[in-house]
Amino acid sequence: MYLTLCVVSLLLGSVISELKENEDGLLELTKDTFDEGINAADYVLVEFYAPWCGHCKSLKPEYIKAAKTLADEHKDVSAKLAIVDGTVETDLAQKYGVKGYPTLKFFRKNVEGSIDYSGGRKSDDIVNWIKKKTGPPAKILKDEAEHKEFKDSVNDKKLNEIVIVGYFAKESDSAYKETAMSLDEFQFGLVTDADLIKKLGLEDGQIIVYRNFDEKEFKFTASGPLGIGKLIKEASLAYITEFTDETAPKIFGGEIKSHALLFCNKADSADLLEEFKKTAKTLRGRVVGVYLDIEAEGSARVMEFFSIKKEDGKQLRVIKMGGEMEKFVYTGTQFDETSLTQFVRDVLDNKIEKHLKSQEVPADWDKENVKVLVGKNFKEVALDKTKDVLVEFYAPWCGHCKAL
């Protein structure tokens, strides 16, 4: 009996010894250590990765930094960050529905239950998301000093671009807390002391988005979580935002699906950007204003998508992203607020025809029995309701097309 217990103890010890933190402070989990790893802390965020994945490589330094921040600065939070090589631990990847890399899952000491990580890819985003999931949705601000420190955190761009504070003494704060719980990317504060609200010169039931751009305070009241969330997301975007890899998810992940994109040389376009900003402000809530520096390397793929070259100079495009993306091209020569606003408004009001990339209509397109169609005459000919039209879509290099 004693010998059996010793053997069992040795076997258990060998399993336990396999669960370890690597030199970066991350738990390296396998199918043999996964269950134990999930129970190593109250909360565990697991990244399923592939060694060849470029996005995983980009995330790695931020993920490591987040683990270190949690360990060094948030000792009160029992949380660990872990990694699983999905190309090796294929059974685990299949069990948790991993379809791409990186995939991040959040566990609360329950290997059978997890939620998808929905935060950003920077270390601060990861830490803030975990804090939101492990603590109250909104931080209680008890006095003027705490209130000032919280709202002034937007002045340190390393911390927050915006923070939201709700002021609820007698008014119900349930919708506000529900919104705070659902918007993981933002930090929420809450003032419940009626005397403090009065001292701050504010009203019960008011919500303020404090920002480090445009107007520094965005005040409103709303009756339900959908209204509050929509207004906060709207306020989180500057009137115009420069397109970068970091801002792309915020730009294209919002509820507003119409975007005005200004292509320009950022270095010498201060006046132009100011005019464009006025347009975006006028049409706020209907369109997202975005500008791209044509000299920036990261703009190249977007410029190629819109068939824009550096030598084209400043250009304006509007896109509508519904079921099918529609593009609209500004052909005017004036780039002042009035001209830009009129064009964008006309697009939004469906007064402008969408742009179709097309060759010019050949002069002899109608000469032969088989007519030649391009984008500019396709609708007129192919969709003519008075005729039945058979259209062949072909590629010049296609052998089957040549044979046909």
Protein backbone atom coordinates (compact mmCIF):
# COMPACT_ATOMS: atom_id res chain seq x y z
CA MET A 1 0.00 0.00 0.00
CA TYR A 2 2.80 2.39 0.96
CA LEU A 3 4.66 1.52 -2.24
CA THR A 4 1.53 2.19 -4.31
CA LEU A 5 1.05 5.62 -2.73
CA CYS A 6 4.68 6.50 -3.41
CA VAL A 7 4.33 5.51 -7.05
CA VAL A 8 1.12 7.54 -7.39
CA SER A 9 2.77 10.51 -5.72
CA LEU A 10 5.75 10.29 -8.06
CA LEU A 11 3.46 10.10 -11.08
CA LEU A 12 1.44 13.11 -9.92
CA GLY A 13 4.65 14.98 -9.21
CA SER A 14 5.89 14.34 -12.73
CA VAL A 15 2.65 15.73 -14.18
CA ILE A 16 2.76 18.79 -11.94
CA SER A 17 6.38 19.45 -12.83
CA GLU A 18 5.42 19.62 -16.51
CA LEU A 19 3.25 22.67 -15.84
CA LYS A 20 5.63 25.58 -15.86
CA GLU A 21 5.96 29.19 -16.80
CA ASN A 22 8.42 29.87 -19.59
CA GLU A 23 11.04 32.60 -19.40
CA ASP A 24 8.46 35.13 -20.59
CA GLY A 25 6.07 34.42 -17.71
CA LEU A 26 3.57 32.50 -19.86
CA LEU A 27 2.12 29.10 -19.02
CA GLU A 28 2.94 26.64 -21.81
CA LEU A 29 -0.01 24.25 -21.95
CA THR A 30 -0.35 20.82 -23.53
CA LYS A 31 -3.20 18.31 -23.48
CA ASP A 32 -1.58 16.77 -20.36
CA THR A 33 -1.28 20.03 -18.44
CA PHE A 34 -4.23 22.01 -19.80
CA ASP A 35 -6.73 21.26 -17.03
CA GLU A 36 -4.19 21.99 -14.33
CA GLY A 37 -3.13 25.17 -16.08
CA ILE A 38 -6.69 26.48 -16.23
CA ASN A 39 -6.90 25.96 -12.45
CA ALA A 40 -3.55 27.62 -11.77
CA ALA A 41 -5.31 30.97 -11.23
CA ASP A 42 -8.84 32.27 -10.90
CA TYR A 43 -8.68 33.55 -14.47
CA VAL A 44 -6.56 32.30 -17.38
CA LEU A 45 -6.34 33.80 -20.87
CA VAL A 46 -5.12 31.21 -23.39
CA GLU A 47 -3.67 32.02 -26.79
CA PHE A 48 -3.85 29.25 -29.38
CA TYR A 49 -1.07 30.04 -31.84
CA ALA A 50 0.81 28.66 -34.82
CA PRO A 51 4.61 29.13 -35.05
CA TRP A 52 4.34 30.23 -38.69
CA CYS A 53 1.53 32.76 -38.11
CA GLY A 54 2.54 36.38 -38.75
CA HIS A 55 -0.28 37.78 -36.59
CA CYS A 56 0.87 35.52 -33.73
CA LYS A 57 4.41 36.84 -34.08
CA SER A 58 3.11 40.43 -33.94
CA LEU A 59 1.02 39.66 -30.86
CA LYS A 60 3.83 37.87 -28.99
CA PRO A 61 5.71 40.90 -27.52
CA GLU A 62 2.43 42.56 -26.49
CA TYR A 63 1.17 39.34 -24.90
CA ILE A 64 4.41 38.92 -22.96
CA LYS A 65 4.30 42.54 -21.84
CA ALA A 66 0.71 42.09 -20.64
CA ALA A 67 1.71 39.02 -18.60
CA LYS A 68 4.50 40.99 -16.96
CA THR A 69 2.21 43.96 -16.23
CA LEU A 70 -0.35 41.70 -14.57
CA ALA A 71 2.34 40.01 -12.48
CA ASP A 72 4.11 43.22 -11.43
CA GLU A 73 1.35 45.83 -11.17
CA HIS A 74 -1.88 43.91 -10.57
CA LYS A 75 -1.02 41.34 -7.94
CA ASP A 76 -4.56 41.62 -6.59
CA VAL A 77 -5.87 39.98 -9.78
CA SER A 78 -5.42 36.20 -9.81
CA ALA A 79 -4.88 35.94 -13.56
CA LYS A 80 -2.39 34.14 -15.80
CA LEU A 81 -1.63 34.23 -19.50
CA ALA A 82 -1.02 30.96 -21.28
CA ILE A 83 -0.16 29.67 -24.75
CA VAL A 84 -1.01 26.53 -26.70
CA ASP A 85 0.69 25.53 -29.95
CA GLY A 86 -2.41 24.65 -31.96
CA THR A 87 -0.39 22.90 -34.66
CA VAL A 88 0.87 20.39 -32.09
CA GLU A 89 -2.08 20.24 -29.67
CA THR A 90 -4.63 19.62 -32.43
CA ASP A 91 -7.12 17.90 -30.11
CA LEU A 92 -7.24 20.96 -27.84
CA ALA A 93 -7.59 23.28 -30.82
CA GLN A 94 -10.49 21.23 -32.16
CA LYS A 95 -12.17 20.97 -28.74
CA TYR A 96 -12.22 24.76 -28.32
CA GLY A 97 -13.28 25.54 -31.88
CA VAL A 98 -10.03 27.12 -33.06
CA LYS A 99 -10.40 27.96 -36.76
CA GLY A 100 -7.58 30.48 -37.16
CA TYR A 101 -4.60 31.94 -35.39
CA PRO A 102 -4.22 33.56 -33.01
CA THR A 103 -7.39 32.56 -31.14
CA LEU A 104 -7.69 33.70 -27.52
CA LYS A 105 -10.02 32.09 -24.98
CA PHE A 106 -10.75 33.24 -21.42
CA PHE A 107 -11.34 30.68 -18.65
CA ARG A 108 -12.69 31.03 -15.11
CA LYS A 109 -11.42 27.79 -13.50
CA ASN A 110 -13.68 25.79 -15.80
CA VAL A 111 -12.10 23.86 -18.66
CA GLU A 112 -15.51 23.20 -20.19
CA GLY A 113 -16.53 26.85 -20.34
CA SER A 114 -14.71 29.74 -21.98
CA ILE A 115 -15.49 33.04 -23.66
CA ASP A 116 -13.81 34.54 -26.69
CA TYR A 117 -11.37 37.37 -26.10
CA SER A 118 -12.76 40.50 -27.74
CA GLY A 119 -10.19 43.16 -26.85
CA GLY A 120 -7.35 44.78 -28.75
CA ARG A 121 -3.91 43.44 -29.58
CA LYS A 122 -1.82 45.84 -27.48
CA SER A 123 -0.62 44.97 -23.98
CA ASP A 124 -2.73 47.70 -22.37
CA ASP A 125 -5.80 46.41 -24.22
CA ILE A 126 -5.20 42.90 -22.92
CA VAL A 127 -4.65 44.05 -19.32
CA ASN A 128 -7.67 46.35 -19.35
CA TRP A 129 -9.87 43.61 -20.83
CA ILE A 130 -8.84 41.16 -18.12
CA LYS A 131 -9.38 43.77 -15.40
CA LYS A 132 -12.84 44.45 -16.80
CA LYS A 133 -13.70 40.74 -16.76
CA THR A 134 -12.33 40.14 -13.27
CA GLY A 135 -13.64 43.22 -11.47
CA PRO A 136 -16.58 45.61 -11.43
CA PRO A 137 -17.54 46.98 -14.87
CA ALA A 138 -17.03 50.57 -13.69
CA LYS A 139 -14.62 51.96 -11.12
CA ILE A 140 -16.28 53.80 -8.25
CA LEU A 141 -14.86 57.32 -7.94
CA LYS A 142 -15.32 58.35 -4.32
CA ASP A 143 -13.99 61.92 -4.25
CA GLU A 144 -12.74 64.82 -6.38
CA ALA A 145 -9.16 63.55 -6.38
CA GLU A 146 -10.11 60.10 -7.72
CA HIS A 147 -12.44 61.70 -10.25
CA LYS A 148 -9.72 64.03 -11.52
CA GLU A 149 -7.10 61.28 -11.74
CA PHE A 150 -9.46 59.03 -13.68
CA LYS A 151 -10.65 61.58 -16.22
CA ASP A 152 -7.19 63.08 -16.65
CA SER A 153 -5.75 59.67 -17.59
CA VAL A 154 -6.66 60.55 -21.19
CA ASN A 155 -3.82 63.07 -21.17
CA ASP A 156 -1.38 60.15 -21.04
CA LYS A 157 -1.82 58.57 -24.47
CA LYS A 158 -0.16 55.41 -23.22
CA LEU A 159 -3.15 54.85 -20.95
CA ASN A 160 -6.41 55.83 -22.63
CA GLU A 161 -7.62 57.96 -25.52
CA ILE A 162 -11.01 58.16 -23.86
CA VAL A 163 -12.61 57.28 -20.53
CA ILE A 164 -16.29 57.35 -19.67
CA VAL A 165 -17.80 58.48 -16.38
CA GLY A 166 -21.44 58.04 -15.41
CA TYR A 167 -22.98 60.21 -12.70
CA PHE A 168 -25.80 58.34 -11.00
CA ALA A 169 -27.04 59.07 -7.49
CA LYS A 170 -30.82 58.63 -7.56
CA GLU A 171 -31.11 57.75 -11.24
CA SER A 172 -30.69 54.06 -12.10
CA ASP A 173 -27.21 53.08 -13.27
CA SER A 174 -28.17 49.58 -14.50
CA ALA A 175 -28.10 50.44 -18.21
CA TYR A 176 -24.77 52.22 -17.76
CA LYS A 177 -23.22 49.21 -15.98
CA GLU A 178 -24.60 46.87 -18.63
CA THR A 179 -22.94 48.99 -21.31
CA ALA A 180 -19.68 49.10 -19.37
CA MET A 181 -19.69 45.32 -19.14
CA SER A 182 -20.20 44.91 -22.89
CA LEU A 183 -17.66 47.47 -24.16
CA ASP A 184 -14.40 45.82 -23.17
CA GLU A 185 -12.17 48.28 -25.02
CA PHE A 186 -13.07 51.26 -22.81
CA GLN A 187 -12.53 52.23 -19.18
CA PHE A 188 -15.62 53.26 -17.21
CA GLY A 189 -15.92 55.25 -14.00
CA LEU A 190 -18.97 55.78 -11.78
CA VAL A 191 -19.87 58.56 -9.35
CA THR A 192 -22.80 57.72 -7.05
CA ASP A 193 -22.36 60.44 -4.39
CA ALA A 194 -25.04 63.09 -4.94
CA ASP A 195 -23.00 65.76 -3.12
CA LEU A 196 -19.95 65.05 -5.28
CA ILE A 197 -22.03 65.23 -8.47
CA LYS A 198 -23.37 68.59 -7.36
CA LYS A 199 -19.89 69.79 -6.38
CA LEU A 200 -18.60 68.90 -9.83
CA GLY A 201 -21.37 71.01 -11.35
CA LEU A 202 -22.98 68.04 -13.10
CA GLU A 203 -26.42 66.46 -13.22
CA ASP A 204 -27.70 63.14 -11.97
CA GLY A 205 -28.05 60.69 -14.87
CA GLN A 206 -25.42 62.42 -17.00
CA ILE A 207 -22.67 60.56 -18.86
CA ILE A 208 -19.46 62.18 -20.06
CA VAL A 209 -16.88 60.80 -22.48
CA TYR A 210 -13.54 62.45 -21.68
CA ARG A 211 -11.20 62.51 -24.69
CA ASN A 212 -7.73 63.64 -25.70
CA PHE A 213 -8.89 64.77 -29.16
CA ASP A 214 -11.46 67.15 -30.69
CA GLU A 215 -13.81 68.48 -27.99
CA LYS A 216 -12.42 67.19 -24.72
CA GLU A 217 -15.82 66.36 -23.24
CA PHE A 218 -18.77 64.66 -24.92
CA LYS A 219 -21.85 64.88 -22.67
CA PHE A 220 -25.15 63.07 -23.04
CA THR A 221 -27.92 61.17 -21.32
CA ALA A 222 -29.46 57.97 -22.67
CA SER A 223 -32.26 55.70 -21.59
CA GLY A 224 -30.98 52.26 -22.61
CA PRO A 225 -27.78 50.28 -23.19
CA LEU A 226 -28.08 50.42 -26.98
CA GLY A 227 -28.32 54.20 -26.94
CA ILE A 228 -25.43 54.57 -24.51
CA GLY A 229 -23.18 52.15 -26.39
CA LYS A 230 -23.88 53.74 -29.76
CA LEU A 231 -23.07 57.23 -28.49
CA ILE A 232 -19.88 56.08 -26.77
CA LYS A 233 -18.64 54.33 -29.92
CA GLU A 234 -19.43 57.45 -31.93
CA ALA A 235 -17.58 59.63 -29.44
CA SER A 236 -14.58 57.30 -29.43
CA LEU A 237 -13.70 58.25 -33.01
CA ALA A 238 -12.12 61.56 -33.83
CA TYR A 239 -13.80 63.56 -36.57
CA ILE A 240 -11.04 62.33 -38.86
CA THR A 241 -8.75 59.38 -38.14
CA GLU A 242 -5.51 58.48 -39.89
CA PHE A 243 -5.60 54.99 -41.34
CA THR A 244 -2.98 52.69 -39.81
CA ASP A 245 -2.84 49.00 -38.89
CA GLU A 246 -3.72 50.03 -35.32
CA THR A 247 -6.72 52.21 -36.20
CA ALA A 248 -8.15 49.96 -38.93
CA PRO A 249 -10.21 47.75 -36.56
CA LYS A 250 -11.76 50.81 -34.90
CA ILE A 251 -12.50 52.44 -38.28
CA PHE A 252 -14.04 49.45 -40.00
CA GLY A 253 -15.47 47.67 -36.96
CA GLY A 254 -17.97 50.36 -36.02
CA GLU A 255 -21.67 50.59 -36.72
CA ILE A 256 -21.31 53.38 -39.31
CA LYS A 257 -20.69 51.67 -42.65
CA SER A 258 -20.17 54.74 -44.83
CA HIS A 259 -16.60 56.08 -44.90
CA ALA A 260 -15.11 59.15 -46.54
CA LEU A 261 -11.44 58.54 -47.37
CA LEU A 262 -9.11 61.42 -48.18
CA PHE A 263 -5.78 60.52 -49.78
CA CYS A 264 -3.15 63.23 -49.40
CA ASN A 265 0.46 64.02 -48.56
CA LYS A 266 0.09 64.46 -44.83
CA ALA A 267 3.23 66.59 -44.50
CA ASP A 268 1.85 69.48 -46.54
CA SER A 269 -1.92 69.06 -46.12
CA ALA A 270 -2.69 70.81 -42.83
CA ASP A 271 -5.20 73.18 -44.40
CA LEU A 272 -6.80 70.43 -46.47
CA LEU A 273 -7.19 68.20 -43.42
CA GLU A 274 -8.82 71.06 -41.54
CA GLU A 275 -11.41 71.46 -44.31
CA PHE A 276 -12.00 67.71 -44.36
CA LYS A 277 -12.39 67.71 -40.58
CA LYS A 278 -15.17 70.30 -40.87
CA THR A 279 -16.96 68.07 -43.36
CA ALA A 280 -16.66 65.03 -41.09
CA LYS A 281 -17.94 67.07 -38.14
CA THR A 282 -20.96 68.28 -40.12
CA LEU A 283 -21.84 64.72 -41.16
CA ARG A 284 -20.92 63.04 -37.88
CA GLY A 285 -23.07 60.01 -37.20
CA ARG A 286 -23.59 59.37 -40.92
CA VAL A 287 -20.04 58.91 -42.14
CA VAL A 288 -16.60 58.09 -40.72
CA GLY A 289 -13.83 60.47 -41.80
CA VAL A 290 -10.53 58.76 -42.66
CA TYR A 291 -7.35 60.13 -44.18
CA LEU A 292 -4.41 58.24 -45.65
CA ASP A 293 -0.90 59.57 -46.13
CA ILE A 294 0.05 58.68 -49.71
CA GLU A 295 3.72 58.73 -48.67
CA ALA A 296 3.19 56.13 -45.93
CA GLU A 297 4.13 52.55 -46.73
CA GLY A 298 1.04 51.25 -44.97
CA SER A 299 -1.25 53.13 -47.36
CA ALA A 300 0.05 51.36 -50.46
CA ARG A 301 -2.35 48.42 -50.44
CA VAL A 302 -5.37 50.69 -49.91
CA MET A 303 -4.26 52.98 -52.71
CA GLU A 304 -3.88 49.98 -54.99
CA PHE A 305 -7.40 48.85 -54.08
CA PHE A 306 -8.75 52.24 -55.18
CA SER A 307 -6.42 52.44 -58.22
CA ILE A 308 -4.77 55.58 -56.83
CA LYS A 309 -1.13 56.49 -57.52
CA LYS A 310 1.04 59.03 -55.70
CA GLU A 311 1.20 61.21 -58.79
CA ASP A 312 -2.61 61.52 -58.71
CA GLY A 313 -2.24 63.90 -55.77
CA LYS A 314 -5.10 64.47 -53.35
CA GLN A 315 -8.12 62.26 -53.92
CA LEU A 316 -11.44 61.68 -52.18
CA ARG A 317 -13.37 58.43 -52.19
CA VAL A 318 -16.54 57.44 -50.35
CA ILE A 319 -17.42 53.82 -49.70
CA LYS A 320 -20.61 52.21 -48.48
CA MET A 321 -20.13 48.82 -46.86
CA GLY A 322 -23.44 47.01 -46.77
CA GLY A 323 -23.85 43.63 -48.36
CA GLU A 324 -21.77 44.77 -51.32
CA MET A 325 -19.13 47.50 -51.14
CA GLU A 326 -19.97 50.53 -53.27
CA LYS A 327 -17.34 53.10 -54.26
CA PHE A 328 -17.87 56.73 -55.17
CA VAL A 329 -15.24 58.96 -56.76
CA TYR A 330 -15.02 62.72 -56.22
CA THR A 331 -14.17 64.34 -59.57
CA GLY A 332 -14.30 67.95 -58.43
CA THR A 333 -11.30 70.26 -58.30
CA GLN A 334 -12.23 72.18 -55.15
CA PHE A 335 -11.31 70.63 -51.81
CA ASP A 336 -12.92 73.17 -49.49
CA GLU A 337 -15.42 72.31 -46.79
CA THR A 338 -18.47 73.27 -48.86
CA SER A 339 -17.50 71.18 -51.89
CA LEU A 340 -16.44 68.14 -49.89
CA THR A 341 -19.53 68.24 -47.69
CA GLN A 342 -21.86 68.54 -50.66
CA PHE A 343 -20.33 65.56 -52.43
CA VAL A 344 -20.32 63.30 -49.37
CA ARG A 345 -23.88 64.31 -48.45
CA ASP A 346 -25.06 63.59 -52.01
CA VAL A 347 -23.49 60.14 -51.82
CA LEU A 348 -25.21 59.43 -48.51
CA ASP A 349 -28.51 60.66 -49.96
CA ASN A 350 -28.11 58.34 -52.98
CA LYS A 351 -27.80 61.21 -55.45
CA ILE A 352 -24.47 60.05 -56.89
CA GLU A 353 -23.95 57.01 -59.13
CA LYS A 354 -21.55 54.46 -57.73
CA HIS A 355 -18.21 54.11 -59.49
CA LEU A 356 -17.55 51.03 -61.57
CA LYS A 357 -14.02 50.26 -62.62
CA SER A 358 -14.31 50.10 -66.37
CA GLN A 359 -12.52 50.39 -69.67
CA GLU A 360 -13.83 52.99 -72.06
CA VAL A 361 -16.59 51.76 -74.35
CA PRO A 362 -14.92 50.67 -77.62
CA ALA A 363 -15.98 52.73 -80.64
CA ASP A 364 -16.95 49.55 -82.52
CA TRP A 365 -18.53 47.69 -79.59
CA ASP A 366 -21.79 47.21 -81.56
CA LYS A 367 -20.25 46.42 -84.93
CA GLU A 368 -20.23 42.59 -84.75
CA ASN A 369 -22.92 40.06 -83.85
CA VAL A 370 -21.20 39.52 -80.48
CA LYS A 371 -21.25 42.86 -78.71
CA VAL A 372 -18.43 44.08 -76.47
CA LEU A 373 -19.50 45.07 -72.97
CA VAL A 374 -17.50 46.97 -70.36
CA GLY A 375 -18.52 48.44 -67.04
CA LYS A 376 -19.80 51.66 -68.55
CA ASN A 377 -22.29 50.07 -70.95
CA PHE A 378 -23.07 46.80 -69.15
CA LYS A 379 -26.21 47.99 -67.38
CA GLU A 380 -27.66 49.64 -70.46
CA VAL A 381 -27.20 46.58 -72.68
CA ALA A 382 -27.19 43.46 -70.49
CA LEU A 383 -30.02 44.60 -68.23
CA ASP A 384 -32.24 45.87 -71.03
CA LYS A 385 -35.71 44.59 -70.07
CA THR A 386 -36.85 44.51 -73.70
CA LYS A 387 -34.29 41.85 -74.68
CA ASP A 388 -32.90 38.49 -73.61
CA VAL A 389 -29.12 38.85 -73.36
CA LEU A 390 -26.59 36.02 -73.03
CA VAL A 391 -23.29 37.30 -71.59
CA GLU A 392 -19.96 35.49 -71.52
CA PHE A 393 -17.57 36.62 -68.80
CA TYR A 394 -14.09 35.61 -69.93
CA ALA A 395 -10.41 36.02 -69.21
CA PRO A 396 -8.02 36.72 -72.13
CA TRP A 397 -5.57 34.06 -70.90
CA CYS A 398 -8.21 31.34 -70.42
CA GLY A 399 -7.78 28.34 -72.77
CA HIS A 400 -11.43 27.31 -72.46
CA CYS A 401 -12.51 30.83 -73.35
CA LYS A 402 -10.28 30.75 -76.45
CA ALA A 403 -11.74 27.40 -77.47
CA LEU A 404 -15.28 28.74 -77.02
